[in-house]
């Protein structure tokens, strides 16, 4: 398998067309280009191409990212949280620390019909609903609304983790703890 270098904007565009967790970049491009494996054999040329570039770091979730999230779930501090909103905030803070860029991209596209869920300041959230109960996400520049039900909080985390390309089983486990 050859590797190619793509800029971050193009990578995010390709990743945004993921239909299911674990889908490879090759599968996404094949689907987007309507390109089959049979066509690949006819188009392939034997010209050697040096492969000196690496895949983007976000192409596959690293073991360290997965380990960090699992360690959060097993931590005493997380286990001691009695309220879903506190666990929700801890998960969001951890996801941001793991990849601020990916977290930012995920939260920018996550909003309701009339509500904004994430913002850089409390006032922006209050403008979109007086009873949103904005809370600051520790160690991040973000604020999030917290007066949603637990199911909505879970779906927000699920969307962010899917966008950040975490394994689906880990995403389900995290959502189940909120």
N, C-alpha and C. Protein backbone atom coordinates (compact mmCIF):
# COMPACT_ATOMS: atom_id res chain seq x y z
N UNK A 1 0.85 -1.17 0.00
CA UNK A 1 0.00 0.00 0.00
C UNK A 1 0.89 1.23 0.00
N UNK A 2 0.58 2.17 -0.86
CA UNK A 2 1.31 3.43 -0.95
C UNK A 2 0.69 4.45 0.00
N UNK A 3 1.48 5.40 0.43
CA UNK A 3 0.95 6.48 1.24
C UNK A 3 1.09 7.78 0.46
N UNK A 4 0.15 8.67 0.67
CA UNK A 4 0.21 9.98 0.03
C UNK A 4 0.06 11.05 1.10
N UNK A 5 0.57 12.23 0.81
CA UNK A 5 0.44 13.33 1.75
C UNK A 5 -0.66 14.25 1.26
N UNK A 6 -1.59 14.57 2.15
CA UNK A 6 -2.67 15.49 1.82
C UNK A 6 -2.70 16.59 2.88
N UNK A 7 -3.14 17.78 2.48
CA UNK A 7 -3.21 18.86 3.46
C UNK A 7 -4.37 18.60 4.42
N UNK A 8 -4.36 19.28 5.55
CA UNK A 8 -5.34 19.05 6.61
C UNK A 8 -6.78 19.30 6.14
N UNK A 9 -6.97 20.34 5.35
CA UNK A 9 -8.32 20.66 4.87
C UNK A 9 -8.89 19.53 4.02
N UNK A 10 -8.08 19.00 3.11
CA UNK A 10 -8.52 17.90 2.26
C UNK A 10 -8.77 16.64 3.10
N UNK A 11 -7.90 16.39 4.06
CA UNK A 11 -8.07 15.22 4.92
C UNK A 11 -9.40 15.30 5.68
N UNK A 12 -9.70 16.49 6.24
CA UNK A 12 -10.96 16.66 6.97
C UNK A 12 -12.16 16.45 6.04
N UNK A 13 -12.04 16.92 4.80
CA UNK A 13 -13.13 16.73 3.84
C UNK A 13 -13.36 15.24 3.58
N UNK A 14 -12.29 14.52 3.35
CA UNK A 14 -12.41 13.07 3.11
C UNK A 14 -12.98 12.39 4.35
N UNK A 15 -12.45 12.73 5.53
CA UNK A 15 -12.91 12.12 6.78
C UNK A 15 -14.38 12.44 7.05
N UNK A 16 -14.84 13.60 6.61
CA UNK A 16 -16.24 13.97 6.85
C UNK A 16 -17.21 13.10 6.05
N UNK A 17 -16.69 12.37 5.07
CA UNK A 17 -17.54 11.49 4.27
C UNK A 17 -17.51 10.04 4.76
N UNK A 18 -16.99 9.83 5.96
CA UNK A 18 -16.98 8.50 6.56
C UNK A 18 -18.41 8.07 6.84
N UNK A 19 -18.75 6.86 6.42
CA UNK A 19 -20.11 6.36 6.66
C UNK A 19 -20.19 5.47 7.89
N UNK A 20 -19.08 4.89 8.30
CA UNK A 20 -19.08 4.07 9.50
C UNK A 20 -17.69 4.08 10.12
N UNK A 21 -17.63 3.85 11.42
CA UNK A 21 -16.38 3.84 12.14
C UNK A 21 -15.48 2.74 11.58
N UNK A 22 -14.22 3.06 11.39
CA UNK A 22 -13.26 2.07 10.91
C UNK A 22 -13.13 2.04 9.41
N UNK A 23 -13.92 2.82 8.70
CA UNK A 23 -13.83 2.85 7.24
C UNK A 23 -12.50 3.49 6.85
N UNK A 24 -11.76 2.84 5.97
CA UNK A 24 -10.44 3.35 5.59
C UNK A 24 -10.56 4.50 4.60
N UNK A 25 -9.49 5.30 4.53
CA UNK A 25 -9.45 6.41 3.58
C UNK A 25 -9.59 5.89 2.16
N UNK A 26 -9.00 4.73 1.87
CA UNK A 26 -9.11 4.14 0.53
C UNK A 26 -10.56 3.82 0.19
N UNK A 27 -11.29 3.24 1.16
CA UNK A 27 -12.70 2.91 0.93
C UNK A 27 -13.53 4.17 0.68
N UNK A 28 -13.25 5.22 1.46
CA UNK A 28 -13.99 6.47 1.31
C UNK A 28 -13.74 7.06 -0.08
N UNK A 29 -12.47 7.11 -0.48
CA UNK A 29 -12.13 7.66 -1.80
C UNK A 29 -12.72 6.82 -2.92
N UNK A 30 -12.66 5.50 -2.80
CA UNK A 30 -13.26 4.64 -3.83
C UNK A 30 -14.74 4.94 -4.00
N UNK A 31 -15.43 5.09 -2.86
CA UNK A 31 -16.85 5.38 -2.92
C UNK A 31 -17.10 6.76 -3.52
N UNK A 32 -16.34 7.76 -3.09
CA UNK A 32 -16.53 9.12 -3.59
C UNK A 32 -16.22 9.23 -5.08
N UNK A 33 -15.22 8.49 -5.53
CA UNK A 33 -14.81 8.55 -6.94
C UNK A 33 -15.52 7.50 -7.80
N UNK A 34 -16.36 6.68 -7.15
CA UNK A 34 -17.04 5.58 -7.85
C UNK A 34 -16.01 4.72 -8.58
N UNK A 35 -14.99 4.32 -7.84
CA UNK A 35 -13.84 3.60 -8.38
C UNK A 35 -13.82 2.21 -7.76
N UNK A 36 -13.78 1.15 -8.60
CA UNK A 36 -13.79 -0.21 -8.08
C UNK A 36 -12.40 -0.82 -8.14
N UNK A 37 -12.22 -1.96 -7.48
CA UNK A 37 -10.93 -2.66 -7.47
C UNK A 37 -10.56 -3.13 -8.87
N UNK A 38 -11.53 -3.51 -9.69
CA UNK A 38 -11.28 -3.99 -11.05
C UNK A 38 -10.68 -2.87 -11.89
N UNK A 39 -11.13 -1.65 -11.68
CA UNK A 39 -10.58 -0.52 -12.42
C UNK A 39 -9.15 -0.26 -12.02
N UNK A 40 -8.80 -0.54 -10.78
CA UNK A 40 -7.46 -0.27 -10.28
C UNK A 40 -6.42 -1.06 -11.05
N UNK A 41 -6.70 -2.32 -11.40
CA UNK A 41 -5.75 -3.16 -12.13
C UNK A 41 -5.51 -2.60 -13.53
N UNK A 42 -6.54 -2.09 -14.18
CA UNK A 42 -6.41 -1.55 -15.54
C UNK A 42 -5.66 -0.23 -15.55
N UNK A 43 -5.78 0.57 -14.50
CA UNK A 43 -5.17 1.89 -14.45
C UNK A 43 -3.74 1.85 -13.93
N UNK A 44 -3.40 0.84 -13.16
CA UNK A 44 -2.09 0.77 -12.52
C UNK A 44 -0.96 0.77 -13.54
N UNK A 45 0.07 1.55 -13.26
CA UNK A 45 1.25 1.60 -14.12
C UNK A 45 2.46 1.20 -13.30
N UNK A 46 3.46 0.58 -13.93
CA UNK A 46 4.61 0.11 -13.18
C UNK A 46 5.64 1.18 -12.84
N UNK A 47 5.36 2.45 -13.05
CA UNK A 47 6.36 3.48 -12.76
C UNK A 47 6.61 3.57 -11.26
N UNK A 48 7.89 3.54 -10.85
CA UNK A 48 8.20 3.59 -9.43
C UNK A 48 7.97 5.00 -8.88
N UNK A 49 7.35 5.06 -7.72
CA UNK A 49 7.13 6.34 -7.06
C UNK A 49 7.69 6.25 -5.66
N UNK A 50 8.58 7.16 -5.30
CA UNK A 50 9.14 7.11 -3.94
C UNK A 50 8.07 7.43 -2.91
N UNK A 51 8.07 6.64 -1.85
CA UNK A 51 7.10 6.83 -0.79
C UNK A 51 7.81 7.35 0.44
N UNK A 52 7.96 8.67 0.50
CA UNK A 52 8.68 9.27 1.61
C UNK A 52 7.76 10.04 2.54
N UNK A 53 6.46 10.02 2.26
CA UNK A 53 5.53 10.75 3.10
C UNK A 53 4.78 9.79 4.02
N UNK A 54 4.29 10.34 5.09
CA UNK A 54 3.57 9.53 6.08
C UNK A 54 2.09 9.85 6.02
N UNK A 55 1.28 8.92 6.52
CA UNK A 55 -0.15 9.14 6.62
C UNK A 55 -0.40 10.19 7.69
N UNK A 56 -1.51 10.94 7.58
CA UNK A 56 -1.85 11.87 8.64
C UNK A 56 -2.04 11.12 9.96
N UNK A 57 -1.69 11.78 11.05
CA UNK A 57 -1.77 11.13 12.36
C UNK A 57 -3.19 10.70 12.69
N UNK A 58 -4.19 11.40 12.18
CA UNK A 58 -5.58 11.08 12.52
C UNK A 58 -6.15 9.97 11.64
N UNK A 59 -5.37 9.39 10.74
CA UNK A 59 -5.90 8.37 9.85
C UNK A 59 -6.44 7.18 10.63
N UNK A 60 -5.75 6.77 11.65
CA UNK A 60 -6.24 5.70 12.51
C UNK A 60 -6.00 6.13 13.95
N UNK A 61 -6.96 5.84 14.82
CA UNK A 61 -6.77 6.25 16.20
C UNK A 61 -5.54 5.57 16.79
N UNK A 62 -4.71 6.35 17.43
CA UNK A 62 -3.52 5.76 18.02
C UNK A 62 -3.89 5.02 19.30
N UNK A 63 -3.04 4.10 19.66
CA UNK A 63 -3.30 3.34 20.90
C UNK A 63 -3.24 4.26 22.11
N UNK A 64 -2.40 5.30 22.03
CA UNK A 64 -2.29 6.22 23.16
C UNK A 64 -3.61 6.97 23.40
N UNK A 65 -4.28 7.38 22.33
CA UNK A 65 -5.57 8.08 22.48
C UNK A 65 -6.59 7.15 23.13
N UNK A 66 -6.65 5.93 22.64
CA UNK A 66 -7.59 4.95 23.19
C UNK A 66 -7.25 4.67 24.65
N UNK A 67 -5.97 4.48 24.92
CA UNK A 67 -5.53 4.21 26.30
C UNK A 67 -5.90 5.37 27.22
N UNK A 68 -5.70 6.59 26.77
CA UNK A 68 -6.02 7.76 27.59
C UNK A 68 -7.49 7.80 27.96
N UNK A 69 -8.35 7.52 27.00
CA UNK A 69 -9.80 7.52 27.27
C UNK A 69 -10.16 6.38 28.22
N UNK A 70 -9.58 5.21 28.01
CA UNK A 70 -9.85 4.09 28.92
C UNK A 70 -9.37 4.39 30.33
N UNK A 71 -8.21 5.04 30.45
CA UNK A 71 -7.70 5.40 31.77
C UNK A 71 -8.63 6.38 32.46
N UNK A 72 -9.22 7.30 31.69
CA UNK A 72 -10.20 8.22 32.27
C UNK A 72 -11.37 7.44 32.86
N UNK A 73 -11.90 6.49 32.09
CA UNK A 73 -13.05 5.71 32.55
C UNK A 73 -12.74 4.91 33.81
N UNK A 74 -11.50 4.48 33.95
CA UNK A 74 -11.10 3.67 35.10
C UNK A 74 -10.61 4.50 36.28
N UNK A 75 -10.46 5.80 36.09
CA UNK A 75 -9.89 6.65 37.14
C UNK A 75 -10.86 6.81 38.32
N UNK A 76 -10.28 6.98 39.50
CA UNK A 76 -11.08 7.20 40.70
C UNK A 76 -11.86 8.50 40.59
N UNK A 77 -11.23 9.53 40.05
CA UNK A 77 -11.90 10.83 39.92
C UNK A 77 -13.17 10.72 39.07
N UNK A 78 -13.10 9.97 37.98
CA UNK A 78 -14.26 9.79 37.12
C UNK A 78 -15.33 8.96 37.83
N UNK A 79 -14.90 7.91 38.50
CA UNK A 79 -15.83 7.03 39.20
C UNK A 79 -16.55 7.75 40.35
N UNK A 80 -15.90 8.74 40.93
CA UNK A 80 -16.48 9.48 42.06
C UNK A 80 -17.53 10.50 41.63
N UNK A 81 -17.62 10.77 40.35
CA UNK A 81 -18.59 11.77 39.86
C UNK A 81 -20.00 11.22 39.99
N UNK A 82 -20.84 11.94 40.73
CA UNK A 82 -22.21 11.49 40.95
C UNK A 82 -23.19 12.01 39.91
N UNK A 83 -22.77 13.02 39.15
CA UNK A 83 -23.67 13.64 38.19
C UNK A 83 -23.18 13.41 36.77
N UNK A 84 -24.13 13.14 35.87
CA UNK A 84 -23.81 12.92 34.46
C UNK A 84 -23.12 14.13 33.86
N UNK A 85 -23.53 15.33 34.27
CA UNK A 85 -22.94 16.54 33.69
C UNK A 85 -21.45 16.63 34.00
N UNK A 86 -21.04 16.19 35.18
CA UNK A 86 -19.62 16.24 35.53
C UNK A 86 -18.81 15.22 34.73
N UNK A 87 -19.37 14.02 34.52
CA UNK A 87 -18.70 13.02 33.69
C UNK A 87 -18.63 13.52 32.24
N UNK A 88 -19.70 14.13 31.77
CA UNK A 88 -19.77 14.71 30.44
C UNK A 88 -18.64 15.73 30.24
N UNK A 89 -18.48 16.63 31.20
CA UNK A 89 -17.44 17.65 31.11
C UNK A 89 -16.04 17.04 31.15
N UNK A 90 -15.84 16.01 31.96
CA UNK A 90 -14.53 15.35 32.03
C UNK A 90 -14.19 14.68 30.70
N UNK A 91 -15.17 14.03 30.09
CA UNK A 91 -14.94 13.37 28.79
C UNK A 91 -14.58 14.42 27.75
N UNK A 92 -15.34 15.52 27.70
CA UNK A 92 -15.07 16.57 26.72
C UNK A 92 -13.67 17.16 26.91
N UNK A 93 -13.28 17.39 28.14
CA UNK A 93 -11.95 17.93 28.42
C UNK A 93 -10.86 16.98 27.93
N UNK A 94 -11.05 15.70 28.17
CA UNK A 94 -10.08 14.69 27.73
C UNK A 94 -10.00 14.64 26.21
N UNK A 95 -11.14 14.65 25.54
CA UNK A 95 -11.15 14.60 24.07
C UNK A 95 -10.44 15.82 23.49
N UNK A 96 -10.65 16.97 24.09
CA UNK A 96 -9.97 18.18 23.61
C UNK A 96 -8.45 18.04 23.75
N UNK A 97 -8.01 17.57 24.91
CA UNK A 97 -6.56 17.41 25.15
C UNK A 97 -5.92 16.47 24.14
N UNK A 98 -6.65 15.44 23.73
CA UNK A 98 -6.09 14.46 22.80
C UNK A 98 -5.89 15.02 21.40
N UNK A 99 -6.78 15.91 20.97
CA UNK A 99 -6.65 16.50 19.63
C UNK A 99 -7.49 17.77 19.54
N UNK A 100 -6.91 18.91 19.91
CA UNK A 100 -7.67 20.16 19.86
C UNK A 100 -8.26 20.47 18.48
N UNK A 101 -7.50 20.15 17.43
CA UNK A 101 -7.98 20.46 16.07
C UNK A 101 -9.20 19.60 15.72
N UNK A 102 -9.11 18.31 15.98
CA UNK A 102 -10.22 17.41 15.66
C UNK A 102 -11.44 17.74 16.52
N UNK A 103 -11.21 18.05 17.79
CA UNK A 103 -12.31 18.42 18.69
C UNK A 103 -13.00 19.68 18.16
N UNK A 104 -12.21 20.65 17.76
CA UNK A 104 -12.75 21.90 17.23
C UNK A 104 -13.59 21.65 15.98
N UNK A 105 -13.08 20.84 15.07
CA UNK A 105 -13.82 20.53 13.84
C UNK A 105 -15.14 19.84 14.16
N UNK A 106 -15.12 18.93 15.12
CA UNK A 106 -16.34 18.19 15.49
C UNK A 106 -17.37 19.10 16.14
N UNK A 107 -16.92 19.97 17.03
CA UNK A 107 -17.88 20.82 17.75
C UNK A 107 -18.45 21.92 16.87
N UNK A 108 -17.70 22.36 15.86
CA UNK A 108 -18.20 23.41 14.97
C UNK A 108 -19.42 22.94 14.18
N UNK A 109 -19.46 21.66 13.87
CA UNK A 109 -20.58 21.14 13.07
C UNK A 109 -21.68 20.53 13.94
N UNK A 110 -21.55 20.63 15.24
CA UNK A 110 -22.53 20.02 16.16
C UNK A 110 -23.41 21.11 16.77
N UNK A 111 -24.66 21.14 16.37
CA UNK A 111 -25.61 22.11 16.91
C UNK A 111 -27.03 21.59 16.68
N UNK A 112 -27.95 22.16 17.40
CA UNK A 112 -29.34 21.78 17.25
C UNK A 112 -30.04 22.67 16.24
N UNK A 113 -31.34 22.51 16.12
CA UNK A 113 -32.12 23.30 15.17
C UNK A 113 -32.06 24.78 15.52
N UNK A 114 -32.19 25.09 16.81
CA UNK A 114 -32.16 26.49 17.24
C UNK A 114 -31.06 26.77 18.25
N UNK A 115 -30.38 25.75 18.72
CA UNK A 115 -29.37 25.93 19.75
C UNK A 115 -27.97 25.68 19.24
N UNK A 116 -27.05 26.42 19.84
CA UNK A 116 -25.63 26.18 19.64
C UNK A 116 -25.18 25.42 20.88
N UNK A 117 -24.49 24.30 20.70
CA UNK A 117 -24.08 23.48 21.84
C UNK A 117 -22.72 23.88 22.41
N UNK A 118 -21.81 24.29 21.54
CA UNK A 118 -20.45 24.65 21.96
C UNK A 118 -20.12 26.05 21.47
N UNK A 119 -19.37 26.79 22.28
CA UNK A 119 -18.94 28.13 21.87
C UNK A 119 -17.67 28.51 22.63
N UNK A 120 -17.04 29.57 22.17
CA UNK A 120 -15.81 30.04 22.81
C UNK A 120 -16.10 30.90 24.03
N UNK A 121 -17.36 31.31 24.19
CA UNK A 121 -17.70 32.12 25.36
C UNK A 121 -19.13 31.84 25.81
N UNK A 122 -19.39 32.16 27.05
CA UNK A 122 -20.69 31.90 27.66
C UNK A 122 -21.80 32.69 26.98
N UNK A 123 -21.53 33.94 26.62
CA UNK A 123 -22.55 34.81 26.04
C UNK A 123 -23.13 34.26 24.74
N UNK A 124 -22.30 33.65 23.91
CA UNK A 124 -22.79 33.08 22.66
C UNK A 124 -23.83 32.01 22.93
N UNK A 125 -23.60 31.19 23.94
CA UNK A 125 -24.56 30.14 24.28
C UNK A 125 -25.84 30.73 24.87
N UNK A 126 -25.70 31.77 25.67
CA UNK A 126 -26.88 32.40 26.27
C UNK A 126 -27.74 33.11 25.22
N UNK A 127 -27.12 33.60 24.16
CA UNK A 127 -27.87 34.25 23.08
C UNK A 127 -28.79 33.27 22.36
N UNK A 128 -28.43 32.00 22.37
CA UNK A 128 -29.21 30.98 21.67
C UNK A 128 -30.14 30.22 22.61
N UNK A 129 -30.31 30.72 23.81
CA UNK A 129 -31.22 30.10 24.77
C UNK A 129 -30.90 30.58 26.17
N UNK A 130 -31.87 31.19 26.82
CA UNK A 130 -31.64 31.78 28.14
C UNK A 130 -31.42 30.72 29.22
N UNK A 131 -31.94 29.53 29.03
CA UNK A 131 -31.86 28.49 30.05
C UNK A 131 -30.87 27.39 29.69
N UNK A 132 -29.80 27.73 28.98
CA UNK A 132 -28.87 26.71 28.51
C UNK A 132 -27.89 26.23 29.58
N UNK A 133 -27.75 26.99 30.66
CA UNK A 133 -26.82 26.66 31.74
C UNK A 133 -25.41 26.34 31.22
N UNK A 134 -24.78 27.30 30.55
CA UNK A 134 -23.44 27.06 30.00
C UNK A 134 -22.43 26.77 31.11
N UNK A 135 -21.53 25.85 30.81
CA UNK A 135 -20.42 25.53 31.73
C UNK A 135 -19.14 25.51 30.92
N UNK A 136 -18.08 25.97 31.55
CA UNK A 136 -16.77 25.95 30.90
C UNK A 136 -16.21 24.53 30.95
N UNK A 137 -15.62 24.08 29.85
CA UNK A 137 -14.97 22.77 29.80
C UNK A 137 -13.54 22.98 30.27
N UNK A 138 -13.17 22.36 31.39
CA UNK A 138 -11.83 22.55 31.97
C UNK A 138 -10.72 22.35 30.96
N UNK A 139 -9.70 23.19 31.06
CA UNK A 139 -8.49 23.10 30.25
C UNK A 139 -8.75 23.23 28.75
N UNK A 140 -9.82 23.92 28.39
CA UNK A 140 -10.14 24.17 26.98
C UNK A 140 -10.64 25.61 26.85
N UNK A 141 -10.68 26.12 25.64
CA UNK A 141 -11.27 27.45 25.43
C UNK A 141 -12.79 27.38 25.21
N UNK A 142 -13.40 26.22 25.42
CA UNK A 142 -14.80 26.00 25.07
C UNK A 142 -15.75 26.04 26.26
N UNK A 143 -16.98 26.44 25.93
CA UNK A 143 -18.12 26.35 26.83
C UNK A 143 -19.12 25.42 26.17
N UNK A 144 -19.95 24.76 26.98
CA UNK A 144 -20.96 23.84 26.45
C UNK A 144 -22.26 24.04 27.22
N UNK A 145 -23.39 23.83 26.54
CA UNK A 145 -24.66 23.89 27.26
C UNK A 145 -24.82 22.60 28.06
N UNK A 146 -25.45 22.72 29.24
CA UNK A 146 -25.55 21.53 30.09
C UNK A 146 -26.99 21.21 30.51
N UNK A 147 -27.96 21.98 30.05
CA UNK A 147 -29.33 21.67 30.48
C UNK A 147 -30.04 20.71 29.54
N UNK A 148 -29.28 19.95 28.79
CA UNK A 148 -29.87 18.92 27.93
C UNK A 148 -30.01 17.63 28.74
N UNK A 149 -30.86 16.74 28.28
CA UNK A 149 -31.00 15.48 29.00
C UNK A 149 -29.76 14.60 28.77
N UNK A 150 -29.64 13.57 29.55
CA UNK A 150 -28.46 12.70 29.48
C UNK A 150 -28.33 12.06 28.10
N UNK A 151 -29.43 11.70 27.49
CA UNK A 151 -29.39 11.12 26.14
C UNK A 151 -28.76 12.07 25.13
N UNK A 152 -29.10 13.35 25.22
CA UNK A 152 -28.51 14.34 24.32
C UNK A 152 -27.01 14.50 24.60
N UNK A 153 -26.64 14.49 25.87
CA UNK A 153 -25.21 14.58 26.20
C UNK A 153 -24.46 13.39 25.60
N UNK A 154 -25.05 12.21 25.71
CA UNK A 154 -24.42 11.02 25.14
C UNK A 154 -24.29 11.14 23.62
N UNK A 155 -25.33 11.64 22.97
CA UNK A 155 -25.26 11.74 21.51
C UNK A 155 -24.24 12.79 21.08
N UNK A 156 -24.05 13.83 21.88
CA UNK A 156 -23.02 14.82 21.57
C UNK A 156 -21.63 14.19 21.67
N UNK A 157 -21.38 13.44 22.73
CA UNK A 157 -20.09 12.77 22.89
C UNK A 157 -19.90 11.74 21.79
N UNK A 158 -20.95 11.00 21.47
CA UNK A 158 -20.86 10.00 20.40
C UNK A 158 -20.46 10.65 19.08
N UNK A 159 -21.09 11.75 18.74
CA UNK A 159 -20.78 12.45 17.49
C UNK A 159 -19.33 12.92 17.48
N UNK A 160 -18.88 13.51 18.57
CA UNK A 160 -17.50 14.01 18.63
C UNK A 160 -16.51 12.86 18.50
N UNK A 161 -16.75 11.77 19.23
CA UNK A 161 -15.82 10.64 19.17
C UNK A 161 -15.82 9.98 17.79
N UNK A 162 -16.97 9.90 17.14
CA UNK A 162 -17.02 9.34 15.79
C UNK A 162 -16.26 10.24 14.83
N UNK A 163 -16.46 11.54 14.96
CA UNK A 163 -15.76 12.49 14.10
C UNK A 163 -14.25 12.42 14.33
N UNK A 164 -13.84 12.18 15.57
CA UNK A 164 -12.42 12.05 15.90
C UNK A 164 -11.89 10.65 15.59
N UNK A 165 -12.74 9.80 15.06
CA UNK A 165 -12.40 8.45 14.61
C UNK A 165 -11.92 7.51 15.71
N UNK A 166 -12.63 7.53 16.83
CA UNK A 166 -12.38 6.56 17.88
C UNK A 166 -13.10 5.27 17.52
N UNK A 167 -12.61 4.13 18.01
CA UNK A 167 -13.30 2.85 17.75
C UNK A 167 -14.73 2.89 18.30
N UNK A 168 -15.65 2.29 17.57
CA UNK A 168 -17.06 2.35 17.97
C UNK A 168 -17.32 1.70 19.33
N UNK A 169 -16.59 0.63 19.64
CA UNK A 169 -16.82 -0.02 20.94
C UNK A 169 -16.40 0.88 22.09
N UNK A 170 -15.34 1.66 21.91
CA UNK A 170 -14.91 2.60 22.94
C UNK A 170 -15.93 3.74 23.06
N UNK A 171 -16.41 4.21 21.94
CA UNK A 171 -17.41 5.28 21.94
C UNK A 171 -18.66 4.83 22.70
N UNK A 172 -19.11 3.61 22.44
CA UNK A 172 -20.28 3.08 23.14
C UNK A 172 -20.03 2.98 24.64
N UNK A 173 -18.83 2.53 24.99
CA UNK A 173 -18.48 2.37 26.41
C UNK A 173 -18.50 3.73 27.12
N UNK A 174 -17.89 4.73 26.49
CA UNK A 174 -17.86 6.07 27.08
C UNK A 174 -19.28 6.61 27.24
N UNK A 175 -20.07 6.51 26.19
CA UNK A 175 -21.45 7.01 26.24
C UNK A 175 -22.26 6.30 27.32
N UNK A 176 -22.00 5.04 27.52
CA UNK A 176 -22.70 4.28 28.55
C UNK A 176 -22.38 4.70 29.97
N UNK A 177 -21.26 5.40 30.15
CA UNK A 177 -20.88 5.83 31.50
C UNK A 177 -21.38 7.23 31.84
N UNK A 178 -21.88 7.93 30.85
CA UNK A 178 -22.33 9.31 31.11
C UNK A 178 -23.73 9.27 31.72
